[in-house]
Amino acid sequence: MRAAAPITIFCICAPATFRPRPTQSSIRAAPTQRLLARGEQVIGIDNLSATATAEAGIYGPALDKALRAQNVVLGHYPQSFEFSTLGGWIAHRGAGQQSSRYGRAHDWLVSAKLATPRGLLTTEDFPGSSAGPRLTDLVLGSEGAFGVITEATVRVQPAPAESLYTGFLFRDFASGTAAIRHAVQEGVCVAMLRLSDAEETRFYRAYGAAGKRKTLGSRIADAVLRYRNFGDGAAAMIAGFEGDKALVERARNRFGEIAKQFGAIAIGDSAGKRWYQGRFHGPYLRDPLMDRGLGVDTLETATSWSKLDALYAAVKNTLEDTIRETAPRPGARGIIACHISHSYPDGASLYFTCSRRCGWCGRGSLALDGSGKKRPRCRCSARHQEHARSQRHPQSGKTDP
């Protein structure tokens, strides 16, 4: 009888990204929770080198508060910001909403420490090298394959003296896409250019108007838009600018010229302020929507500018066909919305949001007419929640809408 070959088992552990934040009472009540309260400190800030070192378990708001106290920022703000950690951002090679200004994880990560099955691994912390591959590059996006990230040194930047977010409306998604491409290839200093397609634009307009009466001003605005040929295909954009006052003013003026060149009209800073105030609200909506029989999921992909239109159409058509084929009743349809979330000189990211009725019982509705009618609770609510717990949370800090 042959002897069994020895087997070495390596532990694969991903850094905690959406672990619940322990309350003070729970920390006192449960000794095991004390471990979760550790690993959340900023170790130090090197002002000369413009770097900061922190433990990987620190949450986004705590890290941002500690850095801003020293008048610096990391500038990484994914939609999951309030409930994700520095270690999660690194393990998922994250990109925040303002990545055009502050960079993605591979731009700001200097070095990291990992707890591995063989001991502690520390990657190099020098600013550059002609040798490769770098161990730091293996940590980015590794999702725990090489160990648990325990500490990281990151590049920081001066806290912006001014932050401005404003809105534009394009006649269609294609003209808005062309404006973004023109701006990023020219090198306009933007923090964010978030362009919604027609479906997402209509949804947010209806959502914002829910429960409100139409005023004379809103009717006049609608009439003006129709007169200027901004119809059902119109695409809204939120443009963000951060930095010192002079930089923000120059960037805003230049992008305004580009947007006008591609047929857009400025719709004011109020649209940008509303987006900025609600930019972290998305993750809170998933469970209440599922309780009402509406499944919501997201996916993101990226491609070059020359392939963007074809990819957008292919993904949207595929999702629409799938929803139609699996609809709980004939004629039922969902909402497939998309926006450009990140842009680069050679391409952009497309972020799709898919919303559909419950596939088990067929119930579920989203009232945007301001009727205030009580909607029936989905009979499969518990089943939705069980299914959701078995799935990976879509907002894991990897990227942001």
Protein backbone atom coordinates (compact mmCIF):
# COMPACT_ATOMS: atom_id res chain seq x y z
CA MET A 1 0.00 0.00 0.00
CA ARG A 2 1.44 3.39 -1.03
CA ALA A 3 1.96 6.00 1.66
CA ALA A 4 -0.08 9.14 1.33
CA ALA A 5 1.86 12.20 0.14
CA PRO A 6 2.04 15.05 2.65
CA ILE A 7 -0.31 17.93 1.92
CA THR A 8 0.37 21.53 2.84
CA ILE A 9 -2.75 23.63 3.35
CA PHE A 10 -2.51 27.38 2.87
CA CYS A 11 -5.11 29.59 4.46
CA ILE A 12 -6.80 32.00 2.08
CA CYS A 13 -8.31 34.88 4.02
CA ALA A 14 -9.60 38.10 2.53
CA PRO A 15 -9.35 41.28 4.58
CA ALA A 16 -12.56 42.28 6.30
CA THR A 17 -14.27 44.88 4.15
CA PHE A 18 -17.90 44.93 5.20
CA ARG A 19 -17.66 43.60 8.74
CA PRO A 20 -20.14 45.29 11.09
CA ARG A 21 -18.73 48.15 13.12
CA PRO A 22 -18.77 47.03 16.79
CA THR A 23 -20.55 49.32 19.23
CA GLN A 24 -19.04 50.17 22.60
CA SER A 25 -21.63 47.99 24.36
CA SER A 26 -20.88 45.00 22.15
CA ILE A 27 -17.14 45.39 22.75
CA ARG A 28 -17.69 45.30 26.49
CA ALA A 29 -20.13 42.42 26.27
CA ALA A 30 -18.18 40.07 24.00
CA PRO A 31 -14.43 39.51 24.51
CA THR A 32 -14.05 38.25 20.93
CA GLN A 33 -15.30 41.59 19.64
CA ARG A 34 -12.28 43.30 21.16
CA LEU A 35 -10.17 41.79 18.41
CA LEU A 36 -12.36 43.52 15.81
CA ALA A 37 -11.78 46.86 17.50
CA ARG A 38 -8.03 46.59 16.97
CA GLY A 39 -6.06 47.30 13.82
CA GLU A 40 -7.84 50.63 13.30
CA GLN A 41 -5.15 53.20 14.08
CA VAL A 42 -3.14 55.70 12.05
CA ILE A 43 0.44 54.87 13.05
CA GLY A 44 2.09 57.99 11.70
CA ILE A 45 2.27 60.66 9.00
CA ASP A 46 5.51 61.60 7.24
CA ASN A 47 4.90 65.18 6.10
CA LEU A 48 8.21 65.46 4.26
CA SER A 49 7.57 62.33 2.19
CA ALA A 50 3.80 62.95 1.98
CA THR A 51 2.99 59.44 3.20
CA ALA A 52 0.92 57.98 6.02
CA THR A 53 1.06 54.57 7.69
CA ALA A 54 -2.08 52.99 9.13
CA GLU A 55 -3.39 49.65 10.30
CA ALA A 56 -5.40 47.91 7.62
CA GLY A 57 -8.59 47.51 9.66
CA ILE A 58 -9.26 51.23 9.86
CA TYR A 59 -12.58 52.31 8.35
CA GLY A 60 -12.80 55.01 5.70
CA PRO A 61 -14.34 57.75 7.89
CA ALA A 62 -11.84 57.20 10.73
CA LEU A 63 -8.88 57.29 8.33
CA ASP A 64 -10.17 60.41 6.59
CA LYS A 65 -10.79 62.21 9.89
CA ALA A 66 -7.29 61.40 11.19
CA LEU A 67 -5.63 62.55 7.97
CA ARG A 68 -7.67 65.74 7.68
CA ALA A 69 -6.61 66.62 11.22
CA GLN A 70 -3.12 66.94 9.70
CA ASN A 71 -4.51 68.78 6.63
CA VAL A 72 -3.90 65.87 4.24
CA VAL A 73 -6.17 63.31 2.54
CA LEU A 74 -5.85 59.97 0.82
CA GLY A 75 -8.76 60.96 -1.43
CA HIS A 76 -10.13 57.42 -1.75
CA TYR A 77 -13.94 57.53 -1.51
CA PRO A 78 -15.70 54.44 -2.89
CA GLN A 79 -19.45 54.19 -2.43
CA SER A 80 -18.70 51.67 0.34
CA PHE A 81 -16.54 54.29 2.12
CA GLU A 82 -18.50 54.28 5.39
CA PHE A 83 -18.28 50.50 5.88
CA SER A 84 -15.07 49.45 4.14
CA THR A 85 -11.47 49.40 5.28
CA LEU A 86 -8.03 50.38 4.05
CA GLY A 87 -7.08 46.69 3.79
CA GLY A 88 -10.18 45.97 1.72
CA TRP A 89 -9.40 48.80 -0.70
CA ILE A 90 -5.92 47.40 -1.27
CA ALA A 91 -7.00 43.76 -1.52
CA HIS A 92 -9.62 44.71 -4.13
CA ARG A 93 -7.37 47.15 -6.00
CA GLY A 94 -9.98 49.82 -5.38
CA ALA A 95 -10.82 53.01 -7.22
CA GLY A 96 -12.72 55.76 -5.41
CA GLN A 97 -15.23 58.15 -6.90
CA GLN A 98 -12.57 60.86 -7.22
CA SER A 99 -9.87 58.62 -8.68
CA SER A 100 -9.29 61.06 -11.55
CA ARG A 101 -7.87 63.48 -8.98
CA TYR A 102 -6.34 61.22 -6.30
CA GLY A 103 -5.58 58.00 -8.16
CA ARG A 104 -6.51 54.38 -7.58
CA ALA A 105 -5.05 51.94 -5.06
CA HIS A 106 -2.09 51.08 -7.27
CA ASP A 107 -1.27 54.80 -7.49
CA TRP A 108 -1.28 55.54 -3.76
CA LEU A 109 -0.06 52.29 -2.16
CA VAL A 110 3.62 52.50 -1.15
CA SER A 111 4.04 49.29 0.88
CA ALA A 112 2.07 46.76 2.92
CA LYS A 113 2.48 44.21 5.69
CA LEU A 114 0.74 40.85 5.45
CA ALA A 115 0.20 38.06 7.98
CA THR A 116 0.83 34.88 5.96
CA PRO A 117 0.84 31.15 6.88
CA ARG A 118 4.67 31.36 6.86
CA GLY A 119 4.96 34.52 8.95
CA LEU A 120 4.92 38.29 8.46
CA LEU A 121 5.63 39.63 4.97
CA THR A 122 6.65 43.26 4.47
CA THR A 123 6.90 44.68 0.96
CA GLU A 124 9.47 47.33 0.01
CA ASP A 125 8.69 50.94 0.87
CA PHE A 126 11.00 52.87 -1.46
CA PRO A 127 9.38 55.33 -3.92
CA GLY A 128 10.53 53.67 -7.14
CA SER A 129 12.62 50.90 -8.64
CA SER A 130 14.01 49.78 -12.00
CA ALA A 131 13.73 46.13 -10.92
CA GLY A 132 10.60 44.05 -11.05
CA PRO A 133 8.20 42.56 -10.37
CA ARG A 134 7.54 44.39 -7.10
CA LEU A 135 5.99 42.47 -4.23
CA THR A 136 3.69 45.42 -3.58
CA ASP A 137 2.10 44.88 -6.99
CA LEU A 138 1.25 41.29 -6.02
CA VAL A 139 -0.62 42.48 -2.92
CA LEU A 140 -2.86 44.82 -4.91
CA GLY A 141 -6.00 42.97 -5.95
CA SER A 142 -4.83 39.73 -4.32
CA GLU A 143 -8.08 39.42 -2.29
CA GLY A 144 -6.29 37.60 0.53
CA ALA A 145 -4.58 34.96 -1.61
CA PHE A 146 -1.17 35.69 -0.05
CA GLY A 147 -2.30 36.58 3.46
CA VAL A 148 -4.21 39.11 5.54
CA ILE A 149 -3.15 42.73 5.10
CA THR A 150 -2.38 44.19 8.53
CA GLU A 151 -0.71 47.53 7.77
CA ALA A 152 -0.05 49.84 4.82
CA THR A 153 1.87 52.97 3.92
CA VAL A 154 0.07 55.21 1.43
CA ARG A 155 0.72 58.46 -0.41
CA VAL A 156 -1.32 61.42 0.80
CA GLN A 157 -2.05 64.83 -0.70
CA PRO A 158 -2.89 68.24 0.74
CA ALA A 159 -6.53 68.54 1.76
CA PRO A 160 -8.36 70.49 -0.97
CA ALA A 161 -9.13 74.10 -0.14
CA GLU A 162 -12.12 73.98 -2.46
CA SER A 163 -14.47 71.23 -3.67
CA LEU A 164 -16.99 71.99 -6.40
CA TYR A 165 -19.52 69.59 -7.92
CA THR A 166 -21.82 70.79 -10.67
CA GLY A 167 -24.21 69.40 -13.27
CA PHE A 168 -24.40 69.30 -17.06
CA LEU A 169 -27.02 67.88 -19.42
CA PHE A 170 -26.07 66.39 -22.79
CA ARG A 171 -28.49 65.57 -25.58
CA ASP A 172 -27.36 61.94 -25.56
CA PHE A 173 -24.92 59.52 -23.94
CA ALA A 174 -22.59 59.56 -26.95
CA SER A 175 -21.97 63.32 -26.84
CA GLY A 176 -21.31 63.16 -23.09
CA THR A 177 -18.86 60.31 -23.65
CA ALA A 178 -17.03 62.35 -26.28
CA ALA A 179 -16.76 65.30 -23.89
CA ILE A 180 -15.20 63.11 -21.17
CA ARG A 181 -12.72 61.61 -23.62
CA HIS A 182 -11.73 65.05 -24.87
CA ALA A 183 -11.24 66.37 -21.32
CA VAL A 184 -9.15 63.50 -19.95
CA GLN A 185 -6.97 63.31 -23.05
CA GLU A 186 -6.37 67.04 -22.83
CA GLY A 187 -5.45 66.67 -19.16
CA VAL A 188 -8.13 68.85 -17.58
CA CYS A 189 -7.72 68.54 -13.79
CA VAL A 190 -11.04 66.99 -12.78
CA ALA A 191 -11.82 65.01 -9.64
CA MET A 192 -14.73 63.15 -11.23
CA LEU A 193 -16.79 63.00 -14.42
CA ARG A 194 -19.86 60.83 -13.83
CA LEU A 195 -22.08 60.50 -16.89
CA SER A 196 -25.48 58.75 -16.60
CA ASP A 197 -27.15 57.22 -19.62
CA ALA A 198 -30.73 58.11 -20.55
CA GLU A 199 -32.28 55.36 -18.40
CA GLU A 200 -30.37 56.36 -15.28
CA THR A 201 -31.04 60.05 -15.95
CA ARG A 202 -34.81 59.43 -16.22
CA PHE A 203 -34.76 57.30 -13.06
CA TYR A 204 -33.01 59.90 -10.94
CA ARG A 205 -35.21 62.70 -12.26
CA ALA A 206 -38.32 60.70 -11.38
CA TYR A 207 -36.87 59.69 -8.01
CA GLY A 208 -36.05 63.30 -7.16
CA ALA A 209 -39.53 64.46 -8.14
CA ALA A 210 -41.38 61.72 -6.25
CA GLY A 211 -43.88 63.16 -3.80
CA LYS A 212 -43.46 66.70 -5.11
CA ARG A 213 -45.93 68.81 -7.03
CA LYS A 214 -44.95 70.22 -10.38
CA THR A 215 -44.24 73.90 -10.01
CA LEU A 216 -44.51 76.57 -12.66
CA GLY A 217 -40.70 76.77 -12.70
CA SER A 218 -40.29 73.04 -13.34
CA ARG A 219 -42.86 73.16 -16.16
CA ILE A 220 -41.04 76.06 -17.78
CA ALA A 221 -37.71 74.21 -17.44
CA ASP A 222 -39.21 71.10 -19.11
CA ALA A 223 -40.57 73.24 -21.95
CA VAL A 224 -37.20 74.90 -22.48
CA LEU A 225 -35.45 71.50 -22.60
CA ARG A 226 -37.93 70.20 -25.18
CA TYR A 227 -37.50 73.37 -27.25
CA ARG A 228 -33.71 72.91 -27.19
CA ASN A 229 -34.09 69.27 -28.27
CA PHE A 230 -33.20 67.64 -24.95
CA GLY A 231 -35.60 64.72 -25.19
CA ASP A 232 -35.86 61.24 -23.70
CA GLY A 233 -32.28 60.45 -24.67
CA ALA A 234 -30.75 63.23 -22.55
CA ALA A 235 -27.81 62.22 -20.34
CA ALA A 236 -26.91 63.98 -17.08
CA MET A 237 -23.37 64.45 -15.82
CA ILE A 238 -21.94 65.39 -12.43
CA ALA A 239 -18.51 66.99 -12.78
CA GLY A 240 -16.29 67.39 -9.73
CA PHE A 241 -13.28 69.63 -9.18
CA GLU A 242 -11.04 69.74 -6.10
CA GLY A 243 -7.89 71.64 -5.17
CA ASP A 244 -6.96 75.23 -4.50
CA LYS A 245 -9.38 77.95 -5.58
CA ALA A 246 -7.48 78.97 -8.72
CA LEU A 247 -7.09 75.36 -9.91
CA VAL A 248 -10.78 74.59 -9.39
CA GLU A 249 -11.84 77.72 -11.25
CA ARG A 250 -9.55 77.00 -14.23
CA ALA A 251 -10.63 73.38 -14.47
CA ARG A 252 -14.32 74.21 -14.19
CA ASN A 253 -14.13 76.90 -16.85
CA ARG A 254 -12.20 74.69 -19.25
CA PHE A 255 -14.52 71.72 -18.83
CA GLY A 256 -17.49 74.04 -19.25
CA GLU A 257 -16.08 75.08 -22.62
CA ILE A 258 -15.62 71.44 -23.65
CA ALA A 259 -19.14 70.50 -22.54
CA LYS A 260 -20.60 73.41 -24.50
CA GLN A 261 -18.60 72.32 -27.54
CA PHE A 262 -20.43 68.97 -27.40
CA GLY A 263 -23.86 70.54 -27.03
CA ALA A 264 -24.33 70.40 -23.26
CA ILE A 265 -26.00 72.94 -21.03
CA ALA A 266 -25.02 73.68 -17.44
CA ILE A 267 -27.76 72.73 -14.96
CA GLY A 268 -26.18 74.30 -11.89
CA ASP A 269 -24.38 73.38 -8.72
CA SER A 270 -27.51 72.15 -6.90
CA ALA A 271 -27.44 68.87 -8.86
CA GLY A 272 -23.81 68.36 -7.85
CA LYS A 273 -24.56 69.16 -4.20
CA ARG A 274 -27.42 66.64 -4.11
CA TRP A 275 -25.19 63.95 -5.54
CA TYR A 276 -22.35 64.78 -3.13
CA GLN A 277 -24.63 64.65 -0.09
CA GLY A 278 -26.05 61.25 -1.08
CA ARG A 279 -22.96 59.67 -2.61
CA PHE A 280 -22.70 56.95 0.08
CA HIS A 281 -26.41 56.10 0.31
CA GLY A 282 -26.51 53.33 -2.29
CA PRO A 283 -25.56 50.37 -0.05
CA TYR A 284 -28.35 51.27 2.39
CA LEU A 285 -31.05 50.77 -0.26
CA ARG A 286 -30.45 47.16 -1.23
CA ASP A 287 -32.23 45.38 1.64
CA PRO A 288 -35.31 47.68 1.75
CA LEU A 289 -35.71 47.21 -2.00
CA MET A 290 -35.48 43.43 -1.66
CA ASP A 291 -38.12 43.57 1.09
CA ARG A 292 -40.40 45.07 -1.55
CA GLY A 293 -39.62 42.39 -4.12
CA LEU A 294 -37.08 44.35 -6.13
CA GLY A 295 -33.75 42.73 -6.80
CA VAL A 296 -30.87 45.14 -7.40
CA ASP A 297 -27.38 44.23 -8.53
CA THR A 298 -24.43 46.00 -10.10
CA LEU A 299 -21.57 45.13 -12.38
CA GLU A 300 -18.68 47.13 -13.76
CA THR A 301 -16.40 46.68 -16.70
CA ALA A 302 -13.90 48.78 -18.63
CA THR A 303 -12.66 49.04 -22.19
CA SER A 304 -10.93 51.39 -24.62
CA TRP A 305 -12.73 54.40 -26.09
CA SER A 306 -12.89 52.78 -29.53
CA LYS A 307 -14.85 49.82 -28.10
CA LEU A 308 -16.96 51.63 -25.49
CA ASP A 309 -20.14 52.12 -27.55
CA ALA A 310 -20.21 48.49 -28.69
CA LEU A 311 -19.61 47.16 -25.16
CA TYR A 312 -22.28 49.42 -23.69
CA ALA A 313 -24.87 48.21 -26.21
CA ALA A 314 -23.89 44.54 -25.87
CA VAL A 315 -24.07 44.45 -22.07
CA LYS A 316 -27.32 46.40 -21.92
CA ASN A 317 -29.00 44.26 -24.57
CA THR A 318 -27.88 41.06 -22.86
CA LEU A 319 -29.19 42.16 -19.47
CA GLU A 320 -32.50 43.29 -20.96
CA ASP A 321 -32.91 39.99 -22.83
CA THR A 322 -32.13 37.97 -19.71
CA ILE A 323 -34.64 39.88 -17.59
CA ARG A 324 -37.29 39.46 -20.26
CA GLU A 325 -36.64 35.71 -20.55
CA THR A 326 -36.75 35.18 -16.78
CA ALA A 327 -39.58 37.61 -15.99
CA PRO A 328 -42.21 36.33 -13.53
CA ARG A 329 -44.95 37.25 -15.99
CA PRO A 330 -45.08 38.15 -19.70
CA GLY A 331 -44.31 41.78 -20.45
CA ALA A 332 -42.52 42.47 -17.16
CA ARG A 333 -39.31 44.38 -17.50
CA GLY A 334 -36.61 45.80 -15.28
CA ILE A 335 -34.44 48.88 -15.27
CA ILE A 336 -30.96 48.67 -16.76
CA ALA A 337 -29.11 51.87 -15.97
CA CYS A 338 -25.50 52.72 -16.66
CA HIS A 339 -23.00 55.46 -15.99
CA ILE A 340 -19.37 56.13 -16.76
CA SER A 341 -17.73 55.94 -13.36
CA HIS A 342 -14.00 56.31 -14.12
CA SER A 343 -12.25 57.68 -17.16
CA TYR A 344 -8.71 57.45 -18.48
CA PRO A 345 -6.88 58.75 -21.55
CA ASP A 346 -7.35 55.40 -23.32
CA GLY A 347 -10.76 54.31 -22.07
CA ALA A 348 -13.42 54.31 -19.38
CA SER A 349 -15.37 52.16 -16.92
CA LEU A 350 -19.06 51.37 -17.42
CA TYR A 351 -21.04 50.80 -14.22
CA PHE A 352 -24.36 49.00 -14.74
CA THR A 353 -27.21 48.84 -12.23
CA CYS A 354 -29.85 46.18 -12.83
CA SER A 355 -33.22 46.33 -11.07
CA ARG A 356 -36.01 43.79 -11.58
CA ARG A 357 -39.07 42.26 -9.93
CA CYS A 358 -38.88 39.21 -7.70
CA GLY A 359 -38.33 36.12 -9.85
CA TRP A 360 -39.94 33.82 -7.29
CA CYS A 361 -43.32 35.38 -6.55
CA GLY A 362 -43.54 38.08 -9.25
CA ARG A 363 -44.36 40.84 -6.80
CA GLY A 364 -42.48 44.05 -6.29
CA SER A 365 -42.86 47.61 -7.45
CA LEU A 366 -41.16 50.95 -7.08
CA ALA A 367 -43.55 53.90 -6.90
CA LEU A 368 -42.11 57.08 -8.32
CA ASP A 369 -45.40 58.85 -8.97
CA GLY A 370 -45.73 60.39 -5.51
CA SER A 371 -48.98 58.49 -4.86
CA GLY A 372 -47.83 57.43 -1.39
CA LYS A 373 -49.72 54.13 -1.71
CA LYS A 374 -48.54 51.34 0.55
CA ARG A 375 -46.90 48.63 -1.50
CA PRO A 376 -47.36 44.95 -0.62
CA ARG A 377 -44.43 43.28 1.08
CA CYS A 378 -42.82 40.62 -1.07
CA ARG A 379 -43.79 37.13 0.09
CA CYS A 380 -40.21 36.02 -0.59
CA SER A 381 -38.55 38.68 1.54
CA ALA A 382 -36.84 36.15 3.83
CA ARG A 383 -35.71 34.18 0.79
CA HIS A 384 -34.22 37.34 -0.74
CA GLN A 385 -32.29 38.06 2.44
CA GLU A 386 -30.96 34.50 2.66
CA HIS A 387 -29.86 34.65 -0.99
CA ALA A 388 -28.21 38.04 -0.45
CA ARG A 389 -26.22 36.78 2.53
CA SER A 390 -24.86 33.96 0.39
CA GLN A 391 -23.64 36.44 -2.23
CA ARG A 392 -20.69 38.75 -2.09
CA HIS A 393 -21.73 42.36 -1.39
CA PRO A 394 -21.54 44.34 -4.65
CA GLN A 395 -20.03 47.38 -2.92
CA SER A 396 -16.86 45.85 -1.48
CA GLY A 397 -14.68 48.87 -2.00
CA LYS A 398 -13.36 47.55 -5.28
CA THR A 399 -14.63 50.46 -7.34
CA ASP A 400 -17.21 53.24 -7.06
CA PRO A 401 -20.15 54.56 -8.88
